[in-house]
Amino acid sequence: MPTGPTADGTRELDVRTIDGEPFGEIMTALDELDGGETLVLVNSFEPEPLYAVLARQGYAHETERAGDDEWRVSITKA
């Protein structure tokens, strides 16, 4: 479950804690974004297959490697 928005309009979803395939939860979290909000997806690997899906659905993303097993993807409406 994503965290509520912070003062700067950022929500975080750490999919490392999800048992099983997180795709549905990611899409739900994106659907719940208000205009101007950002979803920060935290994962243990770079979720490259997700990027094409995001682009097709009108989202932009920036990816940062935060550690050996932590990738942070900031997702906003394009």
N, C-alpha and C. Protein backbone atom coordinates (compact mmCIF):
# COMPACT_ATOMS: atom_id res chain seq x y z
N MET A 1 0.84 -1.18 0.00
CA MET A 1 0.00 0.00 0.00
C MET A 1 0.88 1.25 0.00
N PRO A 2 0.62 2.19 -0.89
CA PRO A 2 1.46 3.38 -0.92
C PRO A 2 1.23 4.26 0.31
N THR A 3 2.24 5.02 0.64
CA THR A 3 2.08 5.98 1.72
C THR A 3 1.24 7.14 1.22
N GLY A 4 0.65 7.88 2.14
CA GLY A 4 -0.10 9.08 1.78
C GLY A 4 0.87 10.13 1.25
N PRO A 5 0.33 11.14 0.56
CA PRO A 5 1.22 12.15 -0.01
C PRO A 5 1.91 12.97 1.07
N THR A 6 3.16 13.31 0.81
CA THR A 6 3.90 14.19 1.70
C THR A 6 3.58 15.63 1.31
N ALA A 7 4.18 16.57 2.00
CA ALA A 7 3.94 17.98 1.72
C ALA A 7 4.30 18.35 0.28
N ASP A 8 5.27 17.64 -0.30
CA ASP A 8 5.66 17.96 -1.67
C ASP A 8 4.90 17.13 -2.71
N GLY A 9 3.86 16.41 -2.29
CA GLY A 9 3.03 15.67 -3.24
C GLY A 9 3.63 14.36 -3.69
N THR A 10 4.45 13.74 -2.87
CA THR A 10 5.08 12.47 -3.22
C THR A 10 4.47 11.34 -2.41
N ARG A 11 4.14 10.26 -3.08
CA ARG A 11 3.70 9.02 -2.43
C ARG A 11 4.77 7.97 -2.69
N GLU A 12 4.92 7.02 -1.78
CA GLU A 12 5.94 5.98 -1.95
C GLU A 12 5.28 4.62 -1.87
N LEU A 13 5.69 3.73 -2.78
CA LEU A 13 5.24 2.34 -2.78
C LEU A 13 6.48 1.46 -2.83
N ASP A 14 6.73 0.75 -1.73
CA ASP A 14 7.88 -0.16 -1.65
C ASP A 14 7.39 -1.56 -2.01
N VAL A 15 7.64 -1.97 -3.24
CA VAL A 15 7.14 -3.26 -3.71
C VAL A 15 8.00 -4.43 -3.22
N ARG A 16 9.10 -4.13 -2.55
CA ARG A 16 9.92 -5.20 -1.98
C ARG A 16 9.17 -5.92 -0.88
N THR A 17 8.15 -5.29 -0.32
CA THR A 17 7.38 -5.89 0.78
C THR A 17 6.15 -6.66 0.29
N ILE A 18 5.91 -6.64 -1.02
CA ILE A 18 4.73 -7.30 -1.58
C ILE A 18 5.07 -8.75 -1.91
N ASP A 19 4.23 -9.66 -1.44
CA ASP A 19 4.41 -11.08 -1.73
C ASP A 19 3.73 -11.38 -3.05
N GLY A 20 4.49 -11.71 -4.07
CA GLY A 20 3.92 -12.00 -5.38
C GLY A 20 4.14 -10.85 -6.34
N GLU A 21 3.42 -10.88 -7.43
CA GLU A 21 3.55 -9.91 -8.52
C GLU A 21 2.97 -8.55 -8.10
N PRO A 22 3.77 -7.47 -8.13
CA PRO A 22 3.29 -6.17 -7.66
C PRO A 22 2.62 -5.31 -8.73
N PHE A 23 2.51 -5.78 -9.97
CA PHE A 23 2.02 -4.95 -11.07
C PHE A 23 0.66 -4.32 -10.77
N GLY A 24 -0.26 -5.11 -10.27
CA GLY A 24 -1.60 -4.60 -9.98
C GLY A 24 -1.58 -3.48 -8.95
N GLU A 25 -0.78 -3.65 -7.92
CA GLU A 25 -0.68 -2.62 -6.88
C GLU A 25 -0.02 -1.35 -7.42
N ILE A 26 0.93 -1.51 -8.31
CA ILE A 26 1.57 -0.34 -8.92
C ILE A 26 0.54 0.43 -9.74
N MET A 27 -0.23 -0.27 -10.57
CA MET A 27 -1.23 0.39 -11.41
C MET A 27 -2.31 1.06 -10.56
N THR A 28 -2.73 0.42 -9.48
CA THR A 28 -3.72 1.02 -8.58
C THR A 28 -3.17 2.29 -7.95
N ALA A 29 -1.92 2.24 -7.50
CA ALA A 29 -1.30 3.42 -6.89
C ALA A 29 -1.20 4.57 -7.90
N LEU A 30 -0.90 4.26 -9.15
CA LEU A 30 -0.84 5.29 -10.18
C LEU A 30 -2.21 5.89 -10.44
N ASP A 31 -3.24 5.05 -10.47
CA ASP A 31 -4.61 5.53 -10.68
C ASP A 31 -5.06 6.47 -9.56
N GLU A 32 -4.51 6.29 -8.37
CA GLU A 32 -4.91 7.09 -7.22
C GLU A 32 -4.15 8.41 -7.10
N LEU A 33 -3.16 8.63 -7.98
CA LEU A 33 -2.40 9.89 -7.93
C LEU A 33 -3.30 11.06 -8.31
N ASP A 34 -3.19 12.13 -7.55
CA ASP A 34 -3.85 13.38 -7.90
C ASP A 34 -2.93 14.16 -8.82
N GLY A 35 -3.47 15.13 -9.52
CA GLY A 35 -2.67 15.96 -10.42
C GLY A 35 -1.48 16.57 -9.69
N GLY A 36 -0.31 16.45 -10.26
CA GLY A 36 0.89 17.02 -9.68
C GLY A 36 1.60 16.13 -8.68
N GLU A 37 0.98 15.02 -8.29
CA GLU A 37 1.64 14.11 -7.36
C GLU A 37 2.61 13.19 -8.09
N THR A 38 3.57 12.67 -7.33
CA THR A 38 4.57 11.74 -7.84
C THR A 38 4.50 10.45 -7.04
N LEU A 39 4.57 9.32 -7.71
CA LEU A 39 4.71 8.03 -7.04
C LEU A 39 6.16 7.62 -7.12
N VAL A 40 6.76 7.35 -5.96
CA VAL A 40 8.12 6.82 -5.93
C VAL A 40 8.01 5.32 -5.68
N LEU A 41 8.37 4.56 -6.67
CA LEU A 41 8.35 3.10 -6.61
C LEU A 41 9.72 2.63 -6.13
N VAL A 42 9.74 1.85 -5.07
CA VAL A 42 10.99 1.32 -4.52
C VAL A 42 11.02 -0.17 -4.83
N ASN A 43 12.11 -0.62 -5.47
CA ASN A 43 12.20 -2.01 -5.90
C ASN A 43 13.62 -2.51 -5.66
N SER A 44 13.78 -3.81 -5.67
CA SER A 44 15.11 -4.41 -5.46
C SER A 44 15.89 -4.55 -6.76
N PHE A 45 15.26 -4.26 -7.89
CA PHE A 45 15.92 -4.31 -9.19
C PHE A 45 15.32 -3.22 -10.07
N GLU A 46 16.00 -2.88 -11.14
CA GLU A 46 15.46 -1.88 -12.06
C GLU A 46 14.30 -2.51 -12.83
N PRO A 47 13.10 -1.95 -12.73
CA PRO A 47 11.92 -2.55 -13.34
C PRO A 47 11.75 -2.16 -14.81
N GLU A 48 12.73 -2.51 -15.62
CA GLU A 48 12.75 -2.10 -17.03
C GLU A 48 11.48 -2.46 -17.80
N PRO A 49 10.87 -3.63 -17.61
CA PRO A 49 9.65 -3.94 -18.36
C PRO A 49 8.49 -2.96 -18.07
N LEU A 50 8.52 -2.33 -16.92
CA LEU A 50 7.47 -1.40 -16.54
C LEU A 50 7.52 -0.11 -17.36
N TYR A 51 8.69 0.28 -17.84
CA TYR A 51 8.86 1.56 -18.50
C TYR A 51 7.98 1.71 -19.74
N ALA A 52 7.87 0.68 -20.56
CA ALA A 52 7.04 0.75 -21.76
C ALA A 52 5.56 0.89 -21.39
N VAL A 53 5.15 0.20 -20.34
CA VAL A 53 3.76 0.31 -19.87
C VAL A 53 3.48 1.73 -19.41
N LEU A 54 4.41 2.30 -18.66
CA LEU A 54 4.24 3.67 -18.19
C LEU A 54 4.11 4.63 -19.35
N ALA A 55 4.96 4.50 -20.34
CA ALA A 55 4.94 5.39 -21.50
C ALA A 55 3.61 5.29 -22.25
N ARG A 56 3.12 4.06 -22.44
CA ARG A 56 1.85 3.86 -23.14
C ARG A 56 0.69 4.49 -22.40
N GLN A 57 0.79 4.57 -21.08
CA GLN A 57 -0.32 5.10 -20.27
C GLN A 57 -0.13 6.57 -19.91
N GLY A 58 0.87 7.21 -20.50
CA GLY A 58 1.04 8.64 -20.32
C GLY A 58 1.81 9.07 -19.10
N TYR A 59 2.71 8.22 -18.62
CA TYR A 59 3.53 8.56 -17.46
C TYR A 59 4.98 8.76 -17.88
N ALA A 60 5.65 9.64 -17.15
CA ALA A 60 7.09 9.84 -17.31
C ALA A 60 7.76 9.29 -16.05
N HIS A 61 9.02 8.89 -16.18
CA HIS A 61 9.71 8.35 -15.00
C HIS A 61 11.17 8.76 -14.99
N GLU A 62 11.72 8.79 -13.80
CA GLU A 62 13.15 8.97 -13.60
C GLU A 62 13.59 7.88 -12.64
N THR A 63 14.70 7.22 -12.95
CA THR A 63 15.16 6.10 -12.15
C THR A 63 16.50 6.44 -11.50
N GLU A 64 16.62 6.03 -10.24
CA GLU A 64 17.86 6.25 -9.49
C GLU A 64 18.21 4.96 -8.77
N ARG A 65 19.46 4.56 -8.86
CA ARG A 65 19.92 3.40 -8.09
C ARG A 65 20.38 3.93 -6.73
N ALA A 66 19.67 3.53 -5.68
CA ALA A 66 19.95 4.05 -4.34
C ALA A 66 20.87 3.14 -3.54
N GLY A 67 21.08 1.92 -4.01
CA GLY A 67 21.94 0.97 -3.32
C GLY A 67 22.05 -0.31 -4.13
N ASP A 68 22.77 -1.28 -3.59
CA ASP A 68 22.96 -2.54 -4.31
C ASP A 68 21.64 -3.22 -4.64
N ASP A 69 20.68 -3.14 -3.74
CA ASP A 69 19.38 -3.80 -3.97
C ASP A 69 18.22 -2.83 -3.78
N GLU A 70 18.45 -1.56 -4.15
CA GLU A 70 17.37 -0.57 -4.05
C GLU A 70 17.39 0.36 -5.25
N TRP A 71 16.30 0.33 -5.98
CA TRP A 71 16.08 1.22 -7.12
C TRP A 71 14.85 2.06 -6.79
N ARG A 72 14.90 3.35 -7.09
CA ARG A 72 13.80 4.27 -6.84
C ARG A 72 13.38 4.87 -8.18
N VAL A 73 12.12 4.68 -8.53
CA VAL A 73 11.58 5.19 -9.78
C VAL A 73 10.52 6.22 -9.45
N SER A 74 10.76 7.48 -9.83
CA SER A 74 9.79 8.55 -9.62
C SER A 74 8.91 8.62 -10.85
N ILE A 75 7.59 8.50 -10.66
CA ILE A 75 6.65 8.42 -11.76
C ILE A 75 5.64 9.56 -11.64
N THR A 76 5.46 10.29 -12.75
CA THR A 76 4.49 11.38 -12.82
C THR A 76 3.72 11.30 -14.11
N LYS A 77 2.56 11.96 -14.16
CA LYS A 77 1.84 12.07 -15.42
C LYS A 77 2.67 12.90 -16.38
N ALA A 78 2.80 12.44 -17.61
CA ALA A 78 3.62 13.16 -18.60
C ALA A 78 2.87 14.40 -19.09
